[in-house]
Protein backbone atom coordinates (compact mmCIF):
# COMPACT_ATOMS: atom_id res chain seq x y z
CA MET A 1 -16.34 25.95 -7.43
CA ALA A 2 -18.88 23.65 -5.87
CA HIS A 3 -19.87 20.52 -7.75
CA CYS A 4 -23.42 19.29 -7.95
CA GLY A 5 -23.74 15.62 -8.87
CA SER A 6 -26.05 12.76 -9.65
CA SER A 7 -25.26 9.13 -9.04
CA GLU A 8 -25.82 5.84 -10.80
CA PRO A 9 -25.88 2.52 -8.93
CA SER A 10 -23.03 0.08 -9.39
CA ALA A 11 -23.54 -3.63 -9.79
CA LYS A 12 -21.58 -4.05 -6.58
CA VAL A 13 -22.20 -0.94 -4.51
CA GLN A 14 -21.19 -1.06 -0.87
CA ALA A 15 -21.83 1.60 1.72
CA PRO A 16 -18.54 3.35 2.51
CA ARG A 17 -16.99 1.93 5.66
CA PRO A 18 -17.12 4.41 8.52
CA ASP A 19 -13.49 3.75 9.39
CA SER A 20 -11.97 4.18 5.94
CA ILE A 21 -8.41 5.31 5.89
CA MET A 22 -6.98 8.79 5.79
CA SER A 23 -4.03 9.31 3.47
CA PRO A 24 -0.97 11.29 4.49
CA GLN A 25 -0.17 12.29 0.98
CA GLY A 26 -1.80 14.73 -1.45
CA SER A 27 -0.89 18.22 -2.44
CA VAL A 28 -3.93 20.43 -2.66
CA ASP A 29 -4.39 22.82 -5.56
CA GLN A 30 -7.34 24.81 -4.32
CA SER A 31 -7.87 26.53 -7.68
CA MET A 32 -8.17 23.25 -9.60
CA LYS A 33 -9.77 20.62 -7.41
CA PRO A 34 -13.53 20.33 -6.97
CA VAL A 35 -14.92 21.34 -3.59
CA LEU A 36 -17.79 18.88 -3.26
CA PHE A 37 -19.08 15.68 -4.80
CA GLU A 38 -22.70 14.64 -4.42
CA ILE A 39 -22.57 10.87 -4.06
CA PHE A 40 -25.72 8.79 -3.62
CA GLY A 41 -27.62 11.85 -2.39
CA GLU A 42 -24.98 12.86 0.17
CA LEU A 43 -22.48 15.71 -0.06
CA TRP A 44 -18.84 14.71 0.29
CA THR A 45 -16.16 17.35 0.87
CA VAL A 46 -12.93 17.13 -1.10
CA GLN A 47 -10.07 17.32 1.40
CA SER A 48 -7.04 16.84 -0.85
CA ARG A 49 -5.87 15.62 -4.22
CA LEU A 50 -4.01 12.34 -3.77
CA GLY A 51 -2.78 11.94 -7.30
CA GLN A 52 -3.20 13.13 -10.87
CA GLY A 53 -2.60 11.19 -14.07
CA VAL A 54 -3.17 11.80 -17.75
CA SER A 55 -6.77 10.61 -17.71
CA ALA A 56 -7.92 10.86 -14.07
CA SER A 57 -7.43 12.56 -10.71
CA VAL A 58 -7.85 10.92 -7.30
CA TYR A 59 -9.22 12.82 -4.29
CA ARG A 60 -9.61 12.14 -0.59
CA VAL A 61 -13.24 12.90 0.32
CA SER A 62 -15.14 13.00 3.58
CA SER A 63 -18.82 13.04 4.50
CA GLY A 64 -18.11 13.86 8.14
CA ARG A 65 -15.68 12.72 10.80
CA ALA A 66 -16.63 9.06 10.52
CA SER A 67 -16.68 8.54 6.73
CA THR A 68 -13.76 8.93 4.35
CA ALA A 69 -13.17 7.47 0.90
CA ALA A 70 -11.37 8.12 -2.37
CA VAL A 71 -12.92 9.41 -5.60
CA LYS A 72 -11.23 8.71 -8.93
CA GLU A 73 -12.59 11.28 -11.38
CA PHE A 74 -11.96 10.61 -15.07
CA GLN A 75 -11.50 13.56 -17.38
CA ALA A 76 -14.23 14.17 -19.90
CA ASP A 77 -12.79 12.66 -23.09
CA THR A 78 -14.34 14.05 -26.26
CA GLN A 79 -12.48 11.65 -28.59
CA GLY A 80 -12.49 8.26 -26.90
CA GLY A 81 -15.60 8.67 -24.80
CA ASP A 82 -15.34 7.28 -21.26
CA TYR A 83 -13.23 4.28 -22.24
CA GLY A 84 -10.81 4.53 -19.29
CA TYR A 85 -13.66 4.76 -16.80
CA HIS A 86 -15.62 1.87 -18.29
CA LYS A 87 -12.47 -0.24 -18.54
CA GLU A 88 -11.44 0.18 -14.90
CA ARG A 89 -15.00 -0.09 -13.62
CA SER A 90 -15.64 -3.37 -15.44
CA VAL A 91 -12.37 -4.92 -14.21
CA LEU A 92 -12.93 -3.80 -10.61
CA GLU A 93 -16.53 -5.04 -10.57
CA ASP A 94 -15.35 -8.39 -11.88
CA ILE A 95 -12.66 -8.91 -9.22
CA GLN A 96 -14.29 -7.52 -6.06
CA GLY A 97 -14.10 -9.37 -2.78
CA HIS A 98 -10.39 -10.16 -2.41
CA LYS A 99 -8.74 -8.71 0.70
CA ASN A 100 -5.64 -7.59 -1.22
CA ILE A 101 -7.50 -5.69 -3.94
CA VAL A 102 -8.93 -2.20 -3.39
CA THR A 103 -12.68 -2.16 -2.74
CA LEU A 104 -15.00 -0.39 -5.19
CA TYR A 105 -17.91 1.11 -3.24
CA GLY A 106 -19.82 2.44 -6.21
CA VAL A 107 -19.83 4.60 -9.35
CA PHE A 108 -21.45 7.93 -10.14
CA THR A 109 -21.58 10.75 -12.66
CA ASN A 110 -20.50 14.14 -11.39
CA HIS A 111 -22.11 17.24 -12.93
CA SER A 112 -20.14 20.42 -12.36
CA CYS A 113 -21.93 23.71 -12.12
CA VAL A 114 -20.44 24.69 -15.49
CA GLY A 115 -22.19 21.78 -17.15
CA VAL A 116 -19.31 19.31 -17.53
CA ALA A 117 -20.20 15.72 -16.65
CA THR A 118 -17.43 13.39 -15.46
CA ARG A 119 -17.46 9.71 -14.58
CA CYS A 120 -16.24 8.75 -11.11
CA LEU A 121 -15.37 5.70 -9.04
CA LEU A 122 -15.94 5.74 -5.27
CA LEU A 123 -13.16 3.65 -3.74
CA GLU A 124 -11.80 2.49 -0.41
CA LEU A 125 -9.30 5.07 0.84
CA LEU A 126 -5.93 3.48 1.52
CA ASP A 127 -2.79 4.73 3.14
CA VAL A 128 0.94 4.87 2.48
CA SER A 129 2.21 3.44 -0.84
CA VAL A 130 5.26 1.25 -1.32
CA SER A 131 6.65 4.16 -3.33
CA GLU A 132 6.50 6.34 -0.20
CA LEU A 133 7.92 3.52 1.94
CA LEU A 134 10.91 3.30 -0.40
CA VAL A 135 11.55 7.02 0.12
CA ARG A 136 10.84 7.16 3.86
CA GLY A 137 12.04 3.85 5.19
CA THR A 138 15.50 3.14 3.81
CA SER A 139 17.49 4.10 6.87
CA GLY A 140 18.31 2.78 10.31
CA THR A 141 20.57 0.02 11.52
CA GLN A 142 20.34 -3.71 11.81
CA GLY A 143 22.85 -5.78 13.76
CA GLY A 144 24.87 -2.65 14.47
CA ARG A 145 25.44 -1.96 10.75
CA PRO A 146 23.73 0.54 8.42
CA GLN A 147 20.62 -0.95 6.86
CA GLN A 148 19.83 0.18 3.33
CA GLY A 149 16.55 -1.53 2.52
CA HIS A 150 13.45 -2.58 4.41
CA SER A 151 13.28 -5.33 7.00
CA MET A 152 12.63 -8.93 6.03
CA TRP A 153 9.31 -8.72 7.90
CA LEU A 154 8.12 -5.88 5.68
CA VAL A 155 9.42 -7.40 2.44
CA GLN A 156 7.76 -10.73 3.29
CA HIS A 157 4.48 -9.03 4.28
CA CYS A 158 4.29 -7.08 1.02
CA ALA A 159 5.40 -10.01 -1.14
CA ARG A 160 2.83 -12.39 0.32
CA ASP A 161 -0.05 -9.88 0.10
CA ILE A 162 0.64 -8.93 -3.52
CA LEU A 163 1.25 -12.52 -4.61
CA GLU A 164 -2.14 -13.42 -3.07
CA ALA A 165 -3.73 -10.59 -5.08
CA LEU A 166 -1.96 -11.65 -8.29
CA ALA A 167 -2.79 -15.35 -7.82
CA PHE A 168 -6.47 -14.37 -7.57
CA LEU A 169 -6.28 -11.91 -10.47
CA HIS A 170 -4.50 -14.39 -12.74
CA ARG A 171 -6.97 -17.17 -11.85
CA GLU A 172 -9.73 -14.81 -12.98
CA GLY A 173 -7.88 -14.46 -16.30
CA TYR A 174 -6.65 -10.88 -15.80
CA VAL A 175 -3.21 -9.31 -16.18
CA HIS A 176 -2.69 -6.17 -14.04
CA ALA A 177 -0.11 -4.79 -16.50
CA ASP A 178 0.99 -1.79 -14.42
CA LEU A 179 2.43 -3.16 -11.19
CA LYS A 180 4.74 -0.60 -9.56
CA PRO A 181 5.39 0.75 -6.02
CA ARG A 182 2.82 3.54 -6.44
CA ASN A 183 0.08 0.98 -7.15
CA ILE A 184 0.62 -1.01 -3.94
CA LEU A 185 -0.91 0.68 -0.88
CA TRP A 186 -1.12 -0.19 2.80
CA SER A 187 -4.54 -0.63 4.41
CA ALA A 188 -4.24 0.49 8.03
CA ASP A 189 -7.47 -1.10 9.20
CA ASP A 190 -7.09 -4.38 7.29
CA GLU A 191 -3.36 -4.56 8.06
CA CYS A 192 -2.33 -5.61 4.60
CA PHE A 193 -1.09 -4.31 1.26
CA LYS A 194 -3.60 -3.89 -1.56
CA LEU A 195 -3.36 -3.58 -5.31
CA ILE A 196 -4.89 -0.52 -7.03
CA ASP A 197 -5.20 1.05 -10.52
CA PHE A 198 -6.52 -1.41 -13.08
CA GLY A 199 -6.58 1.08 -15.99
CA LEU A 200 -4.16 -0.99 -18.11
CA SER A 201 -5.49 -4.41 -17.05
CA PHE A 202 -6.75 -6.85 -19.66
CA LYS A 203 -7.99 -10.40 -20.05
CA GLU A 204 -5.13 -12.67 -20.99
CA GLY A 205 -5.41 -13.50 -24.72
CA ASN A 206 -7.57 -10.40 -25.32
CA GLN A 207 -5.07 -7.58 -24.89
CA ASP A 208 -6.78 -4.31 -25.78
CA VAL A 209 -3.95 -2.03 -24.57
CA LYS A 210 -0.93 -1.48 -26.83
CA TYR A 211 1.40 0.15 -24.33
CA ILE A 212 1.60 -1.55 -20.95
CA GLN A 213 3.64 -1.28 -17.75
CA THR A 214 5.77 1.58 -16.44
CA ASP A 215 9.41 2.16 -17.32
CA GLY A 216 11.64 0.46 -14.75
CA TYR A 217 9.06 -2.27 -14.04
CA ARG A 218 8.45 -3.37 -17.65
CA ALA A 219 9.09 -6.99 -18.59
CA PRO A 220 11.31 -7.69 -21.64
CA GLU A 221 8.38 -9.01 -23.70
CA ALA A 222 6.33 -5.89 -22.89
CA GLU A 223 9.31 -3.74 -23.89
CA LEU A 224 9.44 -5.52 -27.25
CA GLN A 225 5.69 -5.30 -27.75
CA ASN A 226 5.61 -1.59 -26.91
CA SER A 227 8.46 -0.96 -29.39
CA LEU A 228 6.68 -2.85 -32.16
CA ALA A 229 3.43 -1.01 -31.45
CA GLN A 230 5.28 2.31 -31.62
CA ALA A 231 6.72 1.28 -35.00
CA GLY A 232 3.22 0.46 -36.22
CA VAL A 233 3.81 -3.31 -36.41
CA GLU A 234 0.65 -5.28 -35.69
CA MET A 235 1.11 -8.34 -33.49
CA ASP A 236 -0.98 -11.45 -33.97
CA GLY A 237 -3.42 -12.48 -31.27
CA ASP A 238 -1.27 -15.28 -29.82
CA SER A 239 1.79 -13.13 -29.18
CA GLY A 240 0.34 -10.77 -26.57
CA CYS A 241 1.74 -10.42 -23.07
CA THR A 242 0.71 -12.83 -20.32
CA ALA A 243 0.39 -12.78 -16.53
CA ALA A 244 4.17 -13.31 -16.42
CA VAL A 245 4.66 -9.56 -16.95
CA ASP A 246 3.20 -8.95 -13.48
CA MET A 247 5.69 -11.37 -11.92
CA TRP A 248 8.60 -9.49 -13.51
CA SER A 249 7.33 -6.19 -12.08
CA LEU A 250 6.93 -7.67 -8.60
CA GLY A 251 10.46 -9.09 -8.75
CA ILE A 252 11.85 -5.60 -9.39
CA ILE A 253 9.71 -4.09 -6.60
CA LEU A 254 10.89 -6.66 -4.04
CA LEU A 255 14.51 -6.14 -5.10
CA GLU A 256 14.09 -2.39 -4.55
CA MET A 257 12.50 -2.95 -1.14
CA PHE A 258 15.30 -5.29 -0.06
CA SER A 259 18.14 -3.11 -1.36
CA GLY A 260 16.71 0.37 -0.81
CA ILE A 261 17.91 1.26 -4.33
CA LYS A 262 15.77 2.51 -7.22
CA LEU A 263 16.65 0.19 -10.08
CA LYS A 264 15.29 2.04 -13.11
CA ASP A 265 18.75 2.84 -14.53
CA THR A 266 20.08 -0.60 -13.61
CA VAL A 267 17.38 -2.53 -15.49
CA ARG A 268 17.91 -0.35 -18.57
CA SER A 269 21.65 -1.06 -18.63
CA GLN A 270 23.39 -3.47 -21.00
CA GLU A 271 24.89 -5.30 -18.00
CA TRP A 272 21.39 -6.14 -16.80
CA LYS A 273 20.31 -7.35 -20.23
CA ASP A 274 23.45 -9.51 -20.47
CA ASN A 275 23.29 -11.06 -16.99
CA SER A 276 20.58 -9.83 -14.62
CA ALA A 277 21.12 -12.83 -12.30
CA ALA A 278 24.70 -11.70 -11.57
CA ILE A 279 23.45 -8.22 -10.63
CA VAL A 280 20.81 -9.71 -8.31
CA ASP A 281 23.52 -11.85 -6.71
CA HIS A 282 25.72 -8.80 -6.23
CA ILE A 283 22.88 -6.81 -4.59
CA PHE A 284 22.21 -9.65 -2.17
CA ALA A 285 25.90 -10.19 -1.42
CA SER A 286 26.19 -6.48 -0.53
CA ASN A 287 23.32 -6.71 1.97
CA SER A 288 23.84 -10.22 3.29
CA LEU A 289 26.04 -9.08 6.18
CA VAL A 290 23.12 -7.32 7.84
CA CYS A 291 20.50 -10.06 7.35
CA PRO A 292 20.17 -13.67 8.50
CA ALA A 293 21.62 -15.84 5.73
CA ILE A 294 18.97 -18.49 5.08
CA PRO A 295 15.97 -16.15 4.57
CA VAL A 296 18.16 -13.95 2.37
CA TYR A 297 19.00 -16.87 0.09
CA HIS A 298 15.33 -17.86 -0.14
CA LEU A 299 14.32 -14.29 -1.01
CA ARG A 300 17.13 -14.01 -3.57
CA ASP A 301 16.06 -17.24 -5.27
CA LEU A 302 12.40 -16.16 -5.24
CA ILE A 303 13.23 -12.83 -6.89
CA LYS A 304 15.49 -14.49 -9.48
CA SER A 305 12.64 -16.86 -10.40
CA MET A 306 10.48 -13.80 -11.15
CA LEU A 307 13.15 -12.11 -13.29
CA LEU A 308 13.86 -14.77 -15.90
CA ASN A 309 13.96 -13.27 -19.41
CA ASP A 310 11.89 -16.12 -20.81
CA ALA A 311 8.32 -15.38 -19.68
CA LYS A 312 7.39 -19.08 -19.89
CA GLN A 313 10.14 -19.95 -17.39
CA ARG A 314 9.11 -17.39 -14.78
CA CYS A 315 7.38 -18.62 -11.63
CA THR A 316 3.65 -18.03 -11.29
CA ALA A 317 2.08 -16.22 -8.34
CA GLU A 318 0.77 -19.53 -6.98
CA THR A 319 4.16 -21.29 -7.14
CA ALA A 320 5.89 -18.22 -5.66
CA LEU A 321 3.65 -18.47 -2.60
CA LEU A 322 5.11 -21.94 -1.96
CA SER A 323 8.63 -20.51 -1.59
CA PRO A 324 10.36 -21.44 1.69
CA PHE A 325 10.84 -17.70 2.21
CA PHE A 326 7.23 -17.54 3.42
CA SER A 327 7.66 -20.28 6.02
CA ILE A 328 10.09 -18.20 8.11
CA PRO A 329 8.55 -16.01 10.87
CA PHE A 330 9.91 -12.48 11.33
CA ALA A 331 9.23 -9.79 13.93
CA PRO A 332 8.73 -6.21 12.75
CA HIS A 333 11.42 -3.58 13.27
CA ILE A 334 10.60 -0.43 15.19
CA GLU A 335 10.92 1.47 11.89
CA ASP A 336 8.22 -0.74 10.35
CA LEU A 337 5.80 0.16 13.13
CA VAL A 338 6.45 3.86 12.59
CA LEU A 339 5.82 3.57 8.84
CA LEU A 340 2.69 1.39 8.75
CA PRO A 341 -0.37 2.92 10.44
CA SER A 342 -2.87 0.83 12.41
CA PRO A 343 -5.64 1.65 14.92
CA VAL A 344 -3.28 0.78 17.81
CA LEU A 345 -0.64 3.19 19.07
CA ARG A 346 2.33 2.13 21.19
CA LEU A 347 3.98 4.76 23.41
CA LEU A 348 7.55 4.16 24.57
CA ASN A 349 9.87 5.88 27.04
CA LEU A 350 7.07 6.98 29.35
CA ILE A 351 6.85 4.85 32.47
CA ASP A 352 9.47 3.76 35.03
CA ASP A 353 9.40 0.27 36.53
CA SER A 354 8.80 1.77 39.97
CA HIS A 355 5.39 3.08 38.86
CA LEU A 356 4.22 -0.37 37.78
CA HIS A 357 4.43 -2.03 41.19
CA ASN A 358 2.63 0.62 43.22
CA GLU A 359 -1.03 -0.17 42.55
CA GLU A 360 -2.26 3.33 43.36
CA GLU A 361 0.32 4.96 41.09
CA TYR A 362 -0.40 2.43 38.37
CA GLU A 363 -4.15 3.18 38.40
CA ASP A 364 -3.42 6.93 38.35
CA ILE A 365 -1.16 6.50 35.32
CA LEU A 366 -3.81 4.45 33.51
CA GLU A 367 -6.40 7.14 34.15
CA ASP A 368 -4.06 9.98 33.14
CA MET A 369 -2.98 8.24 29.94
CA LYS A 370 -6.55 7.48 28.93
CA GLU A 371 -7.59 11.09 29.53
CA GLU A 372 -4.63 12.36 27.47
CA CYS A 373 -5.15 9.91 24.60
CA GLN A 374 -8.88 10.65 24.35
CA LYS A 375 -8.01 14.20 23.28
CA TYR A 376 -7.05 12.82 19.87
CA GLY A 377 -9.87 10.37 19.20
CA SER A 378 -12.13 7.66 20.54
CA VAL A 379 -10.16 5.22 22.76
CA VAL A 380 -11.47 1.64 22.72
CA SER A 381 -8.95 0.17 25.18
CA LEU A 382 -5.66 0.98 26.89
CA LEU A 383 -3.07 -1.47 28.20
CA ILE A 384 0.15 -0.99 30.21
CA PRO A 385 1.80 -4.40 30.83
CA LYS A 386 3.51 -4.82 34.19
CA GLU A 387 5.82 -7.59 32.93
CA ASN A 388 7.68 -8.37 29.72
CA PRO A 389 7.01 -8.52 26.88
CA GLY A 390 5.85 -4.93 26.61
CA LYS A 391 6.66 -3.98 30.21
CA GLY A 392 6.00 -0.29 30.81
CA GLN A 393 4.84 0.36 27.24
CA VAL A 394 1.47 2.02 26.68
CA PHE A 395 -0.80 0.40 24.08
CA VAL A 396 -3.76 2.53 23.01
CA GLU A 397 -6.45 1.07 20.75
CA TYR A 398 -8.40 3.76 18.88
CA ALA A 399 -11.74 3.30 17.15
CA ASN A 400 -10.05 3.76 13.77
CA SER A 401 -6.67 4.42 12.22
CA SER A 402 -7.46 8.05 11.42
CA ASP A 403 -7.60 8.78 15.16
CA SER A 404 -4.43 6.81 15.94
CA LYS A 405 -2.54 8.62 13.15
CA GLU A 406 -3.58 11.98 14.53
CA ALA A 407 -2.50 10.89 18.01
CA GLN A 408 0.84 9.62 16.71
CA ARG A 409 1.48 12.91 14.94
CA LEU A 410 0.66 15.03 17.99
CA LEU A 411 2.24 12.85 20.68
CA THR A 412 5.60 12.14 19.01
CA GLY A 413 8.27 14.33 20.56
CA ARG A 414 6.05 15.53 23.43
CA THR A 415 7.49 15.36 26.93
CA PHE A 416 5.87 13.77 29.97
CA ASP A 417 7.71 14.06 33.28
CA GLY A 418 10.74 15.28 31.35
CA LYS A 419 10.79 12.27 28.98
CA PHE A 420 10.42 12.45 25.22
CA VAL A 421 7.58 10.27 23.95
CA VAL A 422 8.27 7.78 21.15
CA ALA A 423 4.98 6.82 19.42
CA THR A 424 4.79 3.93 16.96
CA PHE A 425 1.84 2.02 15.57
CA TYR A 426 1.23 -1.59 16.54
CA PRO A 427 -0.51 -4.44 14.63
CA LEU A 428 -4.15 -4.63 15.74
CA SER A 429 -4.29 -8.39 15.14
CA ALA A 430 -1.31 -8.99 17.47
CA TYR A 431 -2.73 -6.64 20.11
CA LYS A 432 -6.14 -8.37 20.04
CA ARG A 433 -4.46 -11.75 20.54
CA GLY A 434 -2.47 -10.38 23.48
CA TYR A 435 0.73 -10.94 21.53
CA LEU A 436 3.24 -8.19 22.28
CA TYR A 437 6.26 -8.30 20.01
CA GLN A 438 9.71 -7.77 21.38
CA THR A 439 10.37 -5.59 18.34
CA VAL A 440 13.81 -5.54 16.78
CA GLN A 441 15.46 -2.19 17.40
């Protein structure tokens, strides 16, 4: 069923970026999802459903090869009006401009051909979520031993990005109130993690949402408040939850990323309630053999400071950013560069040293590789270093991450001259600076 729509301008409308990010997820229910949205006078095709909640569905939409975005469509609510839409719109418009918070491009009303009008947000389209990373990335080896969780580079990257977002959010007076792995997404083109979904957010001291946070990531004070609300007990205005609930959630997320273990059952256990610090210590002791000791201790102490039962004792986002954990440089693991898309592709296991020192052969290889890589998208530059670091590796910079992801998908496992190609992504910022990591295997 095609959808015909009309739009309304947002206070902070931005034209969709031409290189917005394609998402790998999204099961498509062709019978249920809309086919088209008309947004600001332009038809956008719905390519997949990325997620569906109680009050809204999120779609990946495209207006042609160069423009992709996400549409969050709120269900028509006959009882409460468009409260969820207005709530999230007002929060997002108030906090726009931070690099670690999803960008709102605009808002519009969608009129279906059967006469139902729905409110929609047009958003930056992001990539893989931390939830997906937890499922896909908890394998491999480090130091010759099995590695359960993610690398320190990835944990640090995510922790810093989300703490930056929370520090900004909390300075603006807001509590996110639903921080969980599914609400932290990677931006391939901005090379950072971003915070999404502000449907439960509120101004500190003016909590207008009774039930906050998701089970497994819910702070003790939110647990108590939710229970009282369920029992019909009204709380006075001074006893609402504070920004400290977000710090608790982030502490659990980082512990899951480090350990590779979903902790929902653990944090509901009596042992956790009695002595959560001892359980954190045990998790770190179990993994400490595969990680350098000093950064591990710093990360452990940082997480423990987020998971104090007394909300007033918990660290703030700003103090957490001062942790010595963030002063230690890490290199990414090869698994990290497979998991986190960027516009730059790195091809391994292709070229012998002998080819690099014969100028004629080298030029032929450059030309052949460029011709091959252009089949999958627009190539901006191509580099094959003749010396270490990066000797014999092929670095291909595409015009956007959608092209590099398509190339990675189609090139991985292909054979050239009898060799299997290994294709990972590579940080654009490092590539632009000419910095080629000796990645940890």
